[in-house]
Amino acid sequence: MTQRITPTHRRLLKVLGDGEPHTREELMTCLSDELGNPTTVNVHLARLRPLLRAQGEDVLCVWTKRQRMYQWIKKLVFIPLSHPPIDPKEASAG
C-alpha cells in the first residue's frame, strides 16, 4: 500500500515550512477535520515521517523545559572522504 500526502499533511508542511519549531497547539490549527485531540497531531506526523524520510527529510521533535515542539528538517548525509593510506613510517617520523 502506497501512502500519499494528504491535504492535512500539506497543511502541516505549510506551517512547518518556515523552518522554525512549532508547538502541538500551533499544528492543531491544521487539523480542520479532527475533534481537537492533541495526540492526533502525533498520528498525522507519524504517517508523514516515512514520506519525508524517503526524500532525506524529517520532522524533528524538539524538547524544551516546558513543552515539545516540532520542526521540519533536511537530514545531513555523511559521505566519508577517501584518503590515501597513511604510511606508518611517515606518521612516526613527524
C-alpha atoms as a PDB file:
ATOM      1  CA  MET A   1       0.000   0.000   0.000  1.00  0.00           C
ATOM      2  CA  THR A   2       1.458   3.327  -1.070  1.00  0.00           C
ATOM      3  CA  GLN A   3       0.992   6.280   1.212  1.00  0.00           C
ATOM      4  CA  ARG A   4       0.268   9.660  -0.280  1.00  0.00           C
ATOM      5  CA  ILE A   5       0.481  13.158   1.091  1.00  0.00           C
ATOM      6  CA  THR A   6      -2.999  14.098   2.274  1.00  0.00           C
ATOM      7  CA  PRO A   7      -4.495  17.594   2.466  1.00  0.00           C
ATOM      8  CA  THR A   8      -3.821  17.520   6.226  1.00  0.00           C
ATOM      9  CA  HIS A   9      -0.148  16.674   5.560  1.00  0.00           C
ATOM     10  CA  ARG A  10       0.048  19.609   3.148  1.00  0.00           C
ATOM     11  CA  ARG A  11      -1.373  21.955   5.782  1.00  0.00           C
ATOM     12  CA  LEU A  12       1.127  20.667   8.351  1.00  0.00           C
ATOM     13  CA  LEU A  13       4.008  21.128   5.915  1.00  0.00           C
ATOM     14  CA  LYS A  14       2.836  24.653   5.112  1.00  0.00           C
ATOM     15  CA  VAL A  15       3.111  25.592   8.800  1.00  0.00           C
ATOM     16  CA  LEU A  16       6.382  23.686   9.297  1.00  0.00           C
ATOM     17  CA  GLY A  17       7.828  25.074   6.065  1.00  0.00           C
ATOM     18  CA  ASP A  18       9.234  28.169   7.767  1.00  0.00           C
ATOM     19  CA  GLY A  19      11.934  26.005   9.410  1.00  0.00           C
ATOM     20  CA  GLU A  20      11.015  27.144  12.913  1.00  0.00           C
ATOM     21  CA  PRO A  21       9.890  24.857  15.761  1.00  0.00           C
ATOM     22  CA  HIS A  22       6.114  24.821  16.344  1.00  0.00           C
ATOM     23  CA  THR A  23       4.074  23.651  19.303  1.00  0.00           C
ATOM     24  CA  ARG A  24       1.493  20.924  19.027  1.00  0.00           C
ATOM     25  CA  GLU A  25      -1.194  23.553  19.589  1.00  0.00           C
ATOM     26  CA  GLU A  26       0.047  25.520  16.573  1.00  0.00           C
ATOM     27  CA  LEU A  27      -0.043  22.381  14.445  1.00  0.00           C
ATOM     28  CA  MET A  28      -3.563  21.559  15.639  1.00  0.00           C
ATOM     29  CA  THR A  29      -4.809  24.535  13.620  1.00  0.00           C
ATOM     30  CA  CYS A  30      -4.032  22.423  10.516  1.00  0.00           C
ATOM     31  CA  LEU A  31      -6.424  19.683  11.573  1.00  0.00           C
ATOM     32  CA  SER A  32      -9.744  21.026  10.370  1.00  0.00           C
ATOM     33  CA  ASP A  33     -11.417  17.625  10.351  1.00  0.00           C
ATOM     34  CA  GLU A  34     -10.380  16.496  13.825  1.00  0.00           C
ATOM     35  CA  LEU A  35     -12.099  16.587  17.197  1.00  0.00           C
ATOM     36  CA  GLY A  36      -9.364  18.591  18.896  1.00  0.00           C
ATOM     37  CA  ASN A  37      -7.393  15.716  20.399  1.00  0.00           C
ATOM     38  CA  PRO A  38      -3.735  16.840  20.705  1.00  0.00           C
ATOM     39  CA  THR A  39      -2.403  13.331  20.109  1.00  0.00           C
ATOM     40  CA  THR A  40      -3.958  13.436  16.636  1.00  0.00           C
ATOM     41  CA  VAL A  41      -1.026  15.659  15.609  1.00  0.00           C
ATOM     42  CA  ASN A  42       1.311  12.805  16.567  1.00  0.00           C
ATOM     43  CA  VAL A  43      -0.658  10.367  14.427  1.00  0.00           C
ATOM     44  CA  HIS A  44      -0.505  12.628  11.375  1.00  0.00           C
ATOM     45  CA  LEU A  45       3.221  13.276  11.883  1.00  0.00           C
ATOM     46  CA  ALA A  46       3.860   9.542  12.280  1.00  0.00           C
ATOM     47  CA  ARG A  47       2.196   8.953   8.893  1.00  0.00           C
ATOM     48  CA  LEU A  48       4.017  11.876   7.290  1.00  0.00           C
ATOM     49  CA  ARG A  49       7.521  10.993   8.515  1.00  0.00           C
ATOM     50  CA  PRO A  50       8.091   7.941   6.252  1.00  0.00           C
ATOM     51  CA  LEU A  51       7.143  10.049   3.224  1.00  0.00           C
ATOM     52  CA  LEU A  52       9.612  12.764   4.233  1.00  0.00           C
ATOM     53  CA  ARG A  53      12.375  10.318   5.180  1.00  0.00           C
ATOM     54  CA  ALA A  54      12.238   8.822   1.691  1.00  0.00           C
ATOM     55  CA  GLN A  55      13.289  12.281   0.459  1.00  0.00           C
ATOM     56  CA  GLY A  56      16.016  12.818   3.082  1.00  0.00           C
ATOM     57  CA  GLU A  57      13.823  14.985   5.317  1.00  0.00           C
ATOM     58  CA  ASP A  58      12.081  14.520   8.657  1.00  0.00           C
ATOM     59  CA  VAL A  59      10.025  16.216  11.333  1.00  0.00           C
ATOM     60  CA  LEU A  60      12.171  16.604  14.415  1.00  0.00           C
ATOM     61  CA  CYS A  61      10.668  16.650  17.891  1.00  0.00           C
ATOM     62  CA  VAL A  62      12.469  19.316  19.945  1.00  0.00           C
ATOM     63  CA  TRP A  63      12.037  19.128  23.709  1.00  0.00           C
ATOM     64  CA  THR A  64      12.169  22.325  25.751  1.00  0.00           C
ATOM     65  CA  LYS A  65      11.774  22.680  29.507  1.00  0.00           C
ATOM     66  CA  ARG A  66       8.026  23.225  29.217  1.00  0.00           C
ATOM     67  CA  GLN A  67       6.849  21.592  26.017  1.00  0.00           C
ATOM     68  CA  ARG A  68       7.750  19.698  22.923  1.00  0.00           C
ATOM     69  CA  MET A  69       7.937  21.373  19.564  1.00  0.00           C
ATOM     70  CA  TYR A  70       8.146  20.049  16.022  1.00  0.00           C
ATOM     71  CA  GLN A  71      10.444  21.215  13.244  1.00  0.00           C
ATOM     72  CA  TRP A  72      10.785  20.154   9.597  1.00  0.00           C
ATOM     73  CA  ILE A  73      14.426  19.419   8.790  1.00  0.00           C
ATOM     74  CA  LYS A  74      16.561  18.144   5.969  1.00  0.00           C
ATOM     75  CA  LYS A  75      18.823  15.318   7.017  1.00  0.00           C
ATOM     76  CA  LEU A  76      22.542  15.596   6.516  1.00  0.00           C
ATOM     77  CA  VAL A  77      24.143  12.735   4.692  1.00  0.00           C
ATOM     78  CA  PHE A  78      27.661  11.799   5.778  1.00  0.00           C
ATOM     79  CA  ILE A  79      29.837  10.800   2.873  1.00  0.00           C
ATOM     80  CA  PRO A  80      33.300   9.714   4.010  1.00  0.00           C
ATOM     81  CA  LEU A  81      36.147  11.217   2.064  1.00  0.00           C
ATOM     82  CA  SER A  82      38.537   8.768   0.548  1.00  0.00           C
ATOM     83  CA  HIS A  83      42.058   9.337   1.802  1.00  0.00           C
ATOM     84  CA  PRO A  84      45.193   7.653   0.564  1.00  0.00           C
ATOM     85  CA  PRO A  85      46.532   5.120   3.033  1.00  0.00           C
ATOM     86  CA  ILE A  86      48.915   6.551   5.615  1.00  0.00           C
ATOM     87  CA  ASP A  87      52.421   5.171   5.518  1.00  0.00           C
ATOM     88  CA  PRO A  88      53.309   4.182   9.135  1.00  0.00           C
ATOM     89  CA  LYS A  89      56.913   5.303   8.550  1.00  0.00           C
ATOM     90  CA  GLU A  90      55.795   8.802   7.625  1.00  0.00           C
ATOM     91  CA  ALA A  91      53.387   9.008  10.574  1.00  0.00           C
ATOM     92  CA  SER A  92      56.096   8.065  13.103  1.00  0.00           C
ATOM     93  CA  ALA A  93      58.722  10.350  11.529  1.00  0.00           C
ATOM     94  CA  GLY A  94      56.842  13.548  12.494  1.00  0.00           C
END
